């Protein structure tokens, strides 16, 4: 290649990596929380009559957590882990688990879209029941998928506690 051709030829640009935020995480991105790295392996998006929120399924080497993202009047973030608690319909208005009483805060039905590990519920509808303790520091999330009842316990976190690393 001649000197002038190299000098004036267009340089190939490196692909641009989009900065990740809580709103644009993609499958296989990484989230660091509480000194542990988690890979994004699934995402569920809920829609209850126009009100939407998201839950990212995060996998570390030995644990799975859910990162809940909701924009109401302000950003609300929560970390949830599945717990073993036998419930069936009708869901009560109070639930006691490990010495803490949780009170029903809101309930509804949402249509769900999912990707990654969440793709198996894509297009499904779930009933949800959100509970909080008296101090509003701990939460229970109850979801009914057909005949299966899933319960998770969680708590609020702040965005500064999270670090995002794009996979591509």
N, C-alpha and C. Protein backbone atom coordinates (compact mmCIF):
# COMPACT_ATOMS: atom_id res chain seq x y z
N UNK A 1 0.85 -1.16 0.00
CA UNK A 1 0.00 0.00 0.00
C UNK A 1 0.90 1.23 0.00
N UNK A 2 0.56 2.20 -0.79
CA UNK A 2 1.40 3.38 -0.88
C UNK A 2 1.24 4.24 0.37
N UNK A 3 2.22 5.07 0.56
CA UNK A 3 2.22 5.97 1.73
C UNK A 3 1.00 6.87 1.74
N UNK A 4 0.68 7.47 0.56
CA UNK A 4 -0.45 8.40 0.49
C UNK A 4 -1.78 7.70 0.70
N UNK A 5 -1.90 6.49 0.20
CA UNK A 5 -3.15 5.75 0.37
C UNK A 5 -3.38 5.47 1.85
N UNK A 6 -2.30 5.07 2.53
CA UNK A 6 -2.43 4.81 3.97
C UNK A 6 -2.74 6.09 4.73
N UNK A 7 -2.14 7.18 4.32
CA UNK A 7 -2.31 8.45 5.01
C UNK A 7 -3.73 8.99 4.86
N UNK A 8 -4.29 8.86 3.67
CA UNK A 8 -5.60 9.45 3.39
C UNK A 8 -6.75 8.45 3.39
N UNK A 9 -6.46 7.18 3.59
CA UNK A 9 -7.55 6.20 3.59
C UNK A 9 -8.34 6.29 4.89
N UNK A 10 -9.56 5.89 4.78
CA UNK A 10 -10.46 5.95 5.93
C UNK A 10 -10.03 4.87 6.94
N UNK A 11 -9.86 5.27 8.17
CA UNK A 11 -9.50 4.32 9.21
C UNK A 11 -10.76 3.57 9.63
N UNK A 12 -10.64 2.27 9.86
CA UNK A 12 -11.78 1.51 10.37
C UNK A 12 -12.02 1.91 11.81
N UNK A 13 -13.26 2.21 12.08
CA UNK A 13 -13.60 2.62 13.43
C UNK A 13 -13.93 1.40 14.28
N UNK A 14 -13.52 1.46 15.51
CA UNK A 14 -13.86 0.38 16.45
C UNK A 14 -15.35 0.47 16.75
N UNK A 15 -16.01 -0.67 16.92
CA UNK A 15 -17.43 -0.62 17.23
C UNK A 15 -17.67 0.11 18.55
N UNK A 16 -18.71 0.92 18.57
CA UNK A 16 -19.05 1.68 19.76
C UNK A 16 -19.85 0.81 20.72
N UNK A 17 -19.47 0.85 21.97
CA UNK A 17 -20.19 0.12 23.00
C UNK A 17 -21.04 1.12 23.75
N UNK A 18 -22.33 0.86 23.80
CA UNK A 18 -23.25 1.75 24.48
C UNK A 18 -23.08 1.60 25.99
N UNK A 19 -23.02 2.73 26.68
CA UNK A 19 -22.96 2.68 28.14
C UNK A 19 -24.24 2.04 28.65
N UNK A 20 -24.10 1.17 29.62
CA UNK A 20 -25.27 0.50 30.17
C UNK A 20 -25.80 1.27 31.36
N UNK A 21 -27.11 1.26 31.43
CA UNK A 21 -27.82 1.86 32.56
C UNK A 21 -28.85 0.84 33.03
N UNK A 22 -29.55 1.20 34.05
CA UNK A 22 -30.59 0.33 34.57
C UNK A 22 -31.70 0.11 33.55
N UNK A 23 -31.78 1.00 32.55
CA UNK A 23 -32.87 0.92 31.57
C UNK A 23 -32.50 0.21 30.27
N UNK A 24 -31.23 -0.08 30.03
CA UNK A 24 -30.87 -0.70 28.75
C UNK A 24 -29.97 -1.92 28.90
N UNK A 25 -30.05 -2.60 30.03
CA UNK A 25 -29.26 -3.83 30.19
C UNK A 25 -29.69 -4.86 29.15
N UNK A 26 -28.72 -5.63 28.67
CA UNK A 26 -28.98 -6.66 27.67
C UNK A 26 -28.52 -8.01 28.20
N UNK A 27 -28.98 -9.07 27.54
CA UNK A 27 -28.56 -10.40 27.93
C UNK A 27 -27.03 -10.49 27.90
N UNK A 28 -26.47 -11.15 28.88
CA UNK A 28 -25.04 -11.40 29.04
C UNK A 28 -24.24 -10.20 29.54
N UNK A 29 -24.89 -9.04 29.76
CA UNK A 29 -24.21 -7.95 30.43
C UNK A 29 -23.94 -8.38 31.87
N UNK A 30 -23.09 -7.63 32.55
CA UNK A 30 -22.78 -7.94 33.95
C UNK A 30 -23.20 -6.78 34.84
N UNK A 31 -23.68 -7.15 36.02
CA UNK A 31 -24.07 -6.20 37.04
C UNK A 31 -23.29 -6.56 38.29
N UNK A 32 -22.58 -5.58 38.85
CA UNK A 32 -21.89 -5.80 40.12
C UNK A 32 -22.75 -5.18 41.20
N UNK A 33 -23.06 -6.01 42.20
CA UNK A 33 -23.86 -5.56 43.34
C UNK A 33 -23.34 -6.24 44.59
N UNK A 34 -23.13 -5.48 45.62
CA UNK A 34 -22.68 -6.00 46.92
C UNK A 34 -21.42 -6.86 46.77
N UNK A 35 -20.48 -6.34 45.98
CA UNK A 35 -19.16 -6.95 45.74
C UNK A 35 -19.24 -8.30 45.01
N UNK A 36 -20.35 -8.56 44.33
CA UNK A 36 -20.49 -9.80 43.57
C UNK A 36 -20.91 -9.47 42.15
N UNK A 37 -20.35 -10.23 41.18
CA UNK A 37 -20.68 -10.04 39.78
C UNK A 37 -21.79 -10.99 39.37
N UNK A 38 -22.79 -10.45 38.68
CA UNK A 38 -23.93 -11.22 38.19
C UNK A 38 -24.05 -11.03 36.70
N UNK A 39 -24.41 -12.08 35.99
CA UNK A 39 -24.66 -11.99 34.56
C UNK A 39 -26.17 -11.88 34.35
N UNK A 40 -26.57 -11.00 33.42
CA UNK A 40 -27.98 -10.88 33.06
C UNK A 40 -28.34 -12.09 32.21
N UNK A 41 -29.24 -12.94 32.73
CA UNK A 41 -29.61 -14.16 32.01
C UNK A 41 -31.08 -14.18 31.60
N UNK A 42 -31.85 -13.18 32.05
CA UNK A 42 -33.25 -13.11 31.69
C UNK A 42 -33.82 -11.74 32.02
N UNK A 43 -34.91 -11.42 31.35
CA UNK A 43 -35.60 -10.16 31.63
C UNK A 43 -37.09 -10.38 31.42
N UNK A 44 -37.87 -9.94 32.40
CA UNK A 44 -39.32 -9.94 32.29
C UNK A 44 -39.79 -8.50 32.30
N UNK A 45 -40.71 -8.18 31.41
CA UNK A 45 -41.33 -6.86 31.38
C UNK A 45 -42.82 -7.05 31.64
N UNK A 46 -43.32 -6.34 32.64
CA UNK A 46 -44.71 -6.46 33.06
C UNK A 46 -45.49 -5.22 32.60
N UNK A 47 -46.76 -5.43 32.24
CA UNK A 47 -47.61 -4.33 31.84
C UNK A 47 -49.00 -4.56 32.44
N UNK A 48 -49.37 -3.67 33.35
CA UNK A 48 -50.70 -3.71 33.96
C UNK A 48 -51.45 -2.46 33.54
N UNK A 49 -52.20 -2.58 32.45
CA UNK A 49 -53.01 -1.47 31.92
C UNK A 49 -52.17 -0.21 31.69
N UNK A 50 -51.00 -0.37 31.09
CA UNK A 50 -50.16 0.77 30.75
C UNK A 50 -49.07 1.10 31.75
N UNK A 51 -49.19 0.59 32.98
CA UNK A 51 -48.11 0.79 33.96
C UNK A 51 -47.12 -0.35 33.79
N UNK A 52 -45.84 -0.02 33.55
CA UNK A 52 -44.85 -1.06 33.25
C UNK A 52 -43.72 -1.06 34.29
N UNK A 53 -43.13 -2.23 34.46
CA UNK A 53 -41.93 -2.40 35.27
C UNK A 53 -41.19 -3.61 34.75
N UNK A 54 -39.93 -3.75 35.16
CA UNK A 54 -39.07 -4.81 34.64
C UNK A 54 -38.38 -5.55 35.77
N UNK A 55 -38.03 -6.80 35.49
CA UNK A 55 -37.26 -7.60 36.43
C UNK A 55 -36.17 -8.31 35.64
N UNK A 56 -34.92 -8.05 36.01
CA UNK A 56 -33.78 -8.72 35.39
C UNK A 56 -33.38 -9.91 36.25
N UNK A 57 -33.23 -11.07 35.62
CA UNK A 57 -32.73 -12.25 36.33
C UNK A 57 -31.21 -12.22 36.25
N UNK A 58 -30.57 -12.21 37.41
CA UNK A 58 -29.12 -12.09 37.49
C UNK A 58 -28.55 -13.36 38.12
N UNK A 59 -27.51 -13.91 37.49
CA UNK A 59 -26.90 -15.17 37.94
C UNK A 59 -25.44 -14.93 38.29
N UNK A 60 -25.06 -15.29 39.53
CA UNK A 60 -23.64 -15.29 39.91
C UNK A 60 -23.17 -16.75 39.87
N UNK A 61 -22.01 -17.00 40.40
CA UNK A 61 -21.51 -18.38 40.37
C UNK A 61 -22.36 -19.31 41.22
N UNK A 62 -23.02 -18.78 42.26
CA UNK A 62 -23.78 -19.67 43.14
C UNK A 62 -25.14 -19.12 43.59
N UNK A 63 -25.61 -18.06 42.95
CA UNK A 63 -26.85 -17.46 43.42
C UNK A 63 -27.59 -16.79 42.26
N UNK A 64 -28.93 -16.80 42.35
CA UNK A 64 -29.78 -16.10 41.40
C UNK A 64 -30.57 -15.06 42.18
N UNK A 65 -30.55 -13.82 41.67
CA UNK A 65 -31.36 -12.75 42.25
C UNK A 65 -32.14 -12.08 41.13
N UNK A 66 -33.15 -11.33 41.51
CA UNK A 66 -33.93 -10.55 40.56
C UNK A 66 -33.76 -9.08 40.89
N UNK A 67 -33.47 -8.29 39.89
CA UNK A 67 -33.34 -6.84 40.03
C UNK A 67 -34.61 -6.22 39.46
N UNK A 68 -35.42 -5.63 40.34
CA UNK A 68 -36.68 -5.01 39.94
C UNK A 68 -36.45 -3.53 39.65
N UNK A 69 -37.00 -3.08 38.52
CA UNK A 69 -36.83 -1.70 38.08
C UNK A 69 -38.21 -1.12 37.77
N UNK A 70 -38.55 -0.06 38.48
CA UNK A 70 -39.85 0.56 38.29
C UNK A 70 -39.68 2.08 38.30
N UNK A 71 -40.28 2.73 37.31
CA UNK A 71 -40.26 4.18 37.28
C UNK A 71 -41.68 4.65 37.55
N UNK A 72 -41.89 5.14 38.75
CA UNK A 72 -43.19 5.70 39.12
C UNK A 72 -42.98 7.21 39.14
N UNK A 73 -43.18 7.86 40.23
CA UNK A 73 -42.80 9.27 40.33
C UNK A 73 -41.29 9.40 40.43
N UNK A 74 -40.66 8.32 40.85
CA UNK A 74 -39.19 8.26 40.96
C UNK A 74 -38.76 6.84 40.66
N UNK A 75 -37.47 6.65 40.48
CA UNK A 75 -36.92 5.33 40.20
C UNK A 75 -36.96 4.49 41.48
N UNK A 76 -37.52 3.29 41.35
CA UNK A 76 -37.59 2.35 42.47
C UNK A 76 -36.86 1.08 42.06
N UNK A 77 -35.81 0.74 42.79
CA UNK A 77 -35.03 -0.46 42.52
C UNK A 77 -35.13 -1.40 43.71
N UNK A 78 -35.21 -2.69 43.41
CA UNK A 78 -35.24 -3.68 44.48
C UNK A 78 -34.50 -4.92 44.07
N UNK A 79 -33.97 -5.63 45.06
CA UNK A 79 -33.33 -6.92 44.85
C UNK A 79 -34.19 -7.96 45.54
N UNK A 80 -34.51 -9.03 44.82
CA UNK A 80 -35.39 -10.08 45.32
C UNK A 80 -34.74 -11.45 45.14
N UNK A 81 -35.01 -12.34 46.09
CA UNK A 81 -34.62 -13.74 45.99
C UNK A 81 -35.83 -14.61 46.27
N UNK A 82 -35.96 -15.70 45.50
CA UNK A 82 -37.06 -16.62 45.73
C UNK A 82 -36.94 -17.24 47.12
N UNK A 83 -38.10 -17.43 47.74
CA UNK A 83 -38.14 -18.11 49.04
C UNK A 83 -39.13 -19.26 48.96
N UNK A 84 -39.00 -20.18 49.90
CA UNK A 84 -39.94 -21.30 49.97
C UNK A 84 -41.02 -20.94 50.97
N UNK A 85 -42.19 -20.62 50.44
CA UNK A 85 -43.34 -20.27 51.26
C UNK A 85 -44.56 -20.79 50.52
N UNK A 86 -45.25 -21.75 51.13
CA UNK A 86 -46.42 -22.35 50.50
C UNK A 86 -47.61 -21.41 50.62
N UNK A 87 -48.10 -20.97 49.48
CA UNK A 87 -49.31 -20.15 49.42
C UNK A 87 -50.21 -20.71 48.33
N UNK A 88 -51.49 -20.46 48.50
CA UNK A 88 -52.44 -20.81 47.46
C UNK A 88 -53.53 -19.75 47.45
N UNK A 89 -54.30 -19.74 46.38
CA UNK A 89 -55.37 -18.75 46.28
C UNK A 89 -56.53 -19.16 47.19
N UNK A 90 -57.21 -18.24 47.79
CA UNK A 90 -57.01 -16.80 47.70
C UNK A 90 -55.80 -16.35 48.54
N UNK A 91 -55.06 -15.41 48.03
CA UNK A 91 -53.88 -14.89 48.73
C UNK A 91 -54.36 -14.02 49.89
N UNK A 92 -53.83 -14.26 51.10
CA UNK A 92 -54.28 -13.47 52.25
C UNK A 92 -53.78 -12.03 52.20
N UNK A 93 -54.35 -11.17 53.05
CA UNK A 93 -53.95 -9.77 53.10
C UNK A 93 -52.75 -9.56 54.01
N UNK A 94 -52.43 -10.55 54.83
CA UNK A 94 -51.24 -10.52 55.70
C UNK A 94 -50.53 -11.85 55.58
N UNK A 95 -49.20 -11.78 55.53
CA UNK A 95 -48.37 -12.99 55.48
C UNK A 95 -47.26 -12.82 56.50
N UNK A 96 -47.05 -13.84 57.33
CA UNK A 96 -45.92 -13.81 58.26
C UNK A 96 -44.89 -14.83 57.78
N UNK A 97 -43.65 -14.35 57.66
CA UNK A 97 -42.55 -15.20 57.22
C UNK A 97 -41.33 -14.87 58.05
N UNK A 98 -40.75 -15.89 58.67
CA UNK A 98 -39.56 -15.74 59.52
C UNK A 98 -39.70 -14.60 60.51
N UNK A 99 -40.86 -14.53 61.17
CA UNK A 99 -41.08 -13.58 62.24
C UNK A 99 -41.47 -12.17 61.80
N UNK A 100 -41.54 -11.93 60.51
CA UNK A 100 -41.94 -10.61 60.01
C UNK A 100 -43.31 -10.71 59.35
N UNK A 101 -44.19 -9.78 59.69
CA UNK A 101 -45.51 -9.74 59.07
C UNK A 101 -45.49 -8.74 57.92
N UNK A 102 -45.99 -9.20 56.79
CA UNK A 102 -46.07 -8.39 55.58
C UNK A 102 -47.53 -8.13 55.27
N UNK A 103 -47.82 -6.90 54.83
CA UNK A 103 -49.18 -6.47 54.57
C UNK A 103 -49.36 -6.19 53.09
N UNK A 104 -50.52 -6.61 52.54
CA UNK A 104 -50.80 -6.40 51.13
C UNK A 104 -50.79 -4.91 50.81
N UNK A 105 -49.99 -4.53 49.81
CA UNK A 105 -49.86 -3.14 49.40
C UNK A 105 -50.61 -2.88 48.10
N UNK A 106 -50.42 -3.79 47.12
CA UNK A 106 -51.14 -3.66 45.86
C UNK A 106 -51.19 -5.02 45.18
N UNK A 107 -52.17 -5.14 44.28
CA UNK A 107 -52.31 -6.38 43.53
C UNK A 107 -52.89 -6.05 42.17
N UNK A 108 -52.73 -6.99 41.25
CA UNK A 108 -53.26 -6.79 39.91
C UNK A 108 -52.92 -7.95 39.02
N UNK A 109 -53.15 -7.74 37.74
CA UNK A 109 -52.84 -8.72 36.72
C UNK A 109 -52.03 -8.02 35.65
N UNK A 110 -50.95 -8.66 35.22
CA UNK A 110 -50.07 -8.05 34.23
C UNK A 110 -49.81 -9.01 33.08
N UNK A 111 -49.71 -8.45 31.89
CA UNK A 111 -49.22 -9.23 30.76
C UNK A 111 -47.70 -9.14 30.78
N UNK A 112 -47.06 -10.22 30.39
CA UNK A 112 -45.60 -10.33 30.56
C UNK A 112 -44.93 -10.69 29.24
N UNK A 113 -43.82 -10.00 28.96
CA UNK A 113 -42.95 -10.41 27.87
C UNK A 113 -41.61 -10.78 28.49
N UNK A 114 -40.96 -11.77 27.92
CA UNK A 114 -39.71 -12.22 28.49
C UNK A 114 -38.68 -12.57 27.44
N UNK A 115 -37.42 -12.37 27.80
CA UNK A 115 -36.30 -12.77 26.94
C UNK A 115 -35.30 -13.53 27.79
N UNK A 116 -34.37 -14.20 27.13
CA UNK A 116 -33.39 -15.01 27.87
C UNK A 116 -34.11 -16.13 28.59
N UNK A 117 -33.75 -16.38 29.83
CA UNK A 117 -34.43 -17.42 30.61
C UNK A 117 -35.90 -17.11 30.83
N UNK A 118 -36.29 -15.88 30.63
CA UNK A 118 -37.68 -15.50 30.80
C UNK A 118 -38.54 -15.70 29.57
N UNK A 119 -37.94 -16.21 28.48
CA UNK A 119 -38.70 -16.33 27.24
C UNK A 119 -39.84 -17.34 27.34
N UNK A 120 -39.77 -18.26 28.31
CA UNK A 120 -40.83 -19.26 28.43
C UNK A 120 -42.15 -18.67 28.94
N UNK A 121 -42.14 -17.46 29.47
CA UNK A 121 -43.39 -16.81 29.91
C UNK A 121 -43.79 -15.67 28.97
N UNK A 122 -43.09 -15.56 27.84
CA UNK A 122 -43.40 -14.50 26.88
C UNK A 122 -44.85 -14.64 26.43
N UNK A 123 -45.62 -13.56 26.60
CA UNK A 123 -47.02 -13.57 26.21
C UNK A 123 -47.97 -14.05 27.29
N UNK A 124 -47.43 -14.45 28.44
CA UNK A 124 -48.26 -14.96 29.53
C UNK A 124 -48.86 -13.82 30.34
N UNK A 125 -49.80 -14.17 31.18
CA UNK A 125 -50.40 -13.23 32.12
C UNK A 125 -50.16 -13.77 33.52
N UNK A 126 -49.83 -12.89 34.45
CA UNK A 126 -49.66 -13.33 35.83
C UNK A 126 -50.43 -12.41 36.76
N UNK A 127 -50.89 -13.00 37.86
CA UNK A 127 -51.47 -12.21 38.93
C UNK A 127 -50.33 -11.88 39.88
N UNK A 128 -50.30 -10.66 40.38
CA UNK A 128 -49.24 -10.29 41.31
C UNK A 128 -49.84 -9.65 42.56
N UNK A 129 -49.12 -9.86 43.67
CA UNK A 129 -49.51 -9.33 44.97
C UNK A 129 -48.23 -8.81 45.62
N UNK A 130 -48.20 -7.53 45.92
CA UNK A 130 -47.02 -6.92 46.54
C UNK A 130 -47.32 -6.62 48.01
N UNK A 131 -46.44 -7.10 48.87
CA UNK A 131 -46.57 -6.93 50.32
C UNK A 131 -45.38 -6.15 50.85
N UNK A 132 -45.57 -5.41 51.95
CA UNK A 132 -44.45 -4.76 52.60
C UNK A 132 -44.60 -4.93 54.11
N UNK A 133 -43.45 -4.87 54.80
CA UNK A 133 -43.50 -4.94 56.25
C UNK A 133 -43.93 -3.59 56.80
N UNK A 134 -44.10 -3.51 58.11
CA UNK A 134 -44.60 -2.29 58.74
C UNK A 134 -43.70 -1.09 58.48
N UNK A 135 -42.39 -1.30 58.46
CA UNK A 135 -41.44 -0.20 58.25
C UNK A 135 -41.18 0.09 56.78
N UNK A 136 -41.77 -0.69 55.89
CA UNK A 136 -41.55 -0.59 54.44
C UNK A 136 -40.08 -0.72 54.09
N UNK A 137 -39.42 -1.67 54.75
CA UNK A 137 -38.01 -1.95 54.49
C UNK A 137 -37.80 -3.30 53.82
N UNK A 138 -38.78 -4.17 53.92
CA UNK A 138 -38.69 -5.51 53.36
C UNK A 138 -40.01 -5.81 52.66
N UNK A 139 -39.91 -6.57 51.57
CA UNK A 139 -41.08 -6.81 50.73
C UNK A 139 -41.21 -8.29 50.39
N UNK A 140 -42.45 -8.69 50.14
CA UNK A 140 -42.72 -9.99 49.54
C UNK A 140 -43.43 -9.74 48.21
N UNK A 141 -43.01 -10.47 47.21
CA UNK A 141 -43.65 -10.43 45.91
C UNK A 141 -44.23 -11.81 45.65
N UNK A 142 -45.54 -11.86 45.41
CA UNK A 142 -46.22 -13.12 45.11
C UNK A 142 -46.72 -13.02 43.67
N UNK A 143 -46.35 -14.02 42.87
CA UNK A 143 -46.80 -14.07 41.49
C UNK A 143 -47.46 -15.42 41.24
N UNK A 144 -48.59 -15.38 40.57
CA UNK A 144 -49.31 -16.61 40.24
C UNK A 144 -49.27 -16.78 38.73
N UNK A 145 -48.63 -17.87 38.33
CA UNK A 145 -48.49 -18.21 36.91
C UNK A 145 -49.30 -19.49 36.70
N UNK A 146 -50.53 -19.34 36.23
CA UNK A 146 -51.39 -20.52 36.10
C UNK A 146 -51.69 -21.09 37.47
N UNK A 147 -51.23 -22.31 37.73
CA UNK A 147 -51.45 -22.93 39.04
C UNK A 147 -50.21 -22.81 39.94
N UNK A 148 -49.13 -22.23 39.44
CA UNK A 148 -47.89 -22.13 40.21
C UNK A 148 -47.81 -20.77 40.92
N UNK A 149 -47.50 -20.83 42.22
CA UNK A 149 -47.36 -19.62 43.02
C UNK A 149 -45.88 -19.45 43.37
N UNK A 150 -45.29 -18.32 42.99
CA UNK A 150 -43.89 -18.02 43.30
C UNK A 150 -43.83 -16.87 44.29
N UNK A 151 -42.97 -17.00 45.30
CA UNK A 151 -42.82 -15.96 46.31
C UNK A 151 -41.35 -15.57 46.40
N UNK A 152 -41.10 -14.26 46.42
CA UNK A 152 -39.75 -13.72 46.56
C UNK A 152 -39.76 -12.68 47.67
N UNK A 153 -38.63 -12.58 48.36
CA UNK A 153 -38.46 -11.55 49.39
C UNK A 153 -37.41 -10.57 48.89
N UNK A 154 -37.65 -9.28 49.14
CA UNK A 154 -36.71 -8.29 48.66
C UNK A 154 -36.65 -7.04 49.51
N UNK A 155 -35.83 -6.11 49.03
CA UNK A 155 -35.62 -4.84 49.72
C UNK A 155 -35.16 -3.82 48.68
N UNK A 156 -35.36 -2.55 49.02
CA UNK A 156 -34.96 -1.47 48.12
C UNK A 156 -33.45 -1.30 48.12
N UNK A 157 -32.93 -0.88 46.96
CA UNK A 157 -31.52 -0.50 46.85
C UNK A 157 -31.46 0.83 46.10
N UNK A 158 -30.29 1.45 46.11
CA UNK A 158 -30.06 2.69 45.37
C UNK A 158 -29.24 2.38 44.12
N UNK A 159 -29.43 3.18 43.10
CA UNK A 159 -28.75 2.95 41.83
C UNK A 159 -27.23 2.99 41.97
N UNK A 160 -26.71 3.82 42.88
CA UNK A 160 -25.26 3.92 43.03
C UNK A 160 -24.64 2.61 43.54
N UNK A 161 -25.45 1.69 44.05
CA UNK A 161 -24.94 0.41 44.53
C UNK A 161 -24.65 -0.56 43.39
N UNK A 162 -25.03 -0.21 42.18
CA UNK A 162 -24.89 -1.08 41.02
C UNK A 162 -23.83 -0.54 40.06
N UNK A 163 -23.10 -1.47 39.46
CA UNK A 163 -22.15 -1.12 38.39
C UNK A 163 -22.48 -2.02 37.21
N UNK A 164 -22.47 -1.46 36.01
CA UNK A 164 -22.85 -2.20 34.82
C UNK A 164 -21.67 -2.36 33.88
N UNK A 165 -21.55 -3.55 33.29
CA UNK A 165 -20.49 -3.84 32.34
C UNK A 165 -21.14 -4.46 31.11
N UNK A 166 -21.02 -3.78 29.98
CA UNK A 166 -21.62 -4.29 28.74
C UNK A 166 -20.87 -5.51 28.25
N UNK A 167 -21.61 -6.48 27.73
CA UNK A 167 -20.97 -7.70 27.22
C UNK A 167 -20.46 -7.53 25.80
N UNK A 168 -21.02 -6.55 25.10
CA UNK A 168 -20.56 -6.32 23.71
C UNK A 168 -20.63 -4.86 23.40
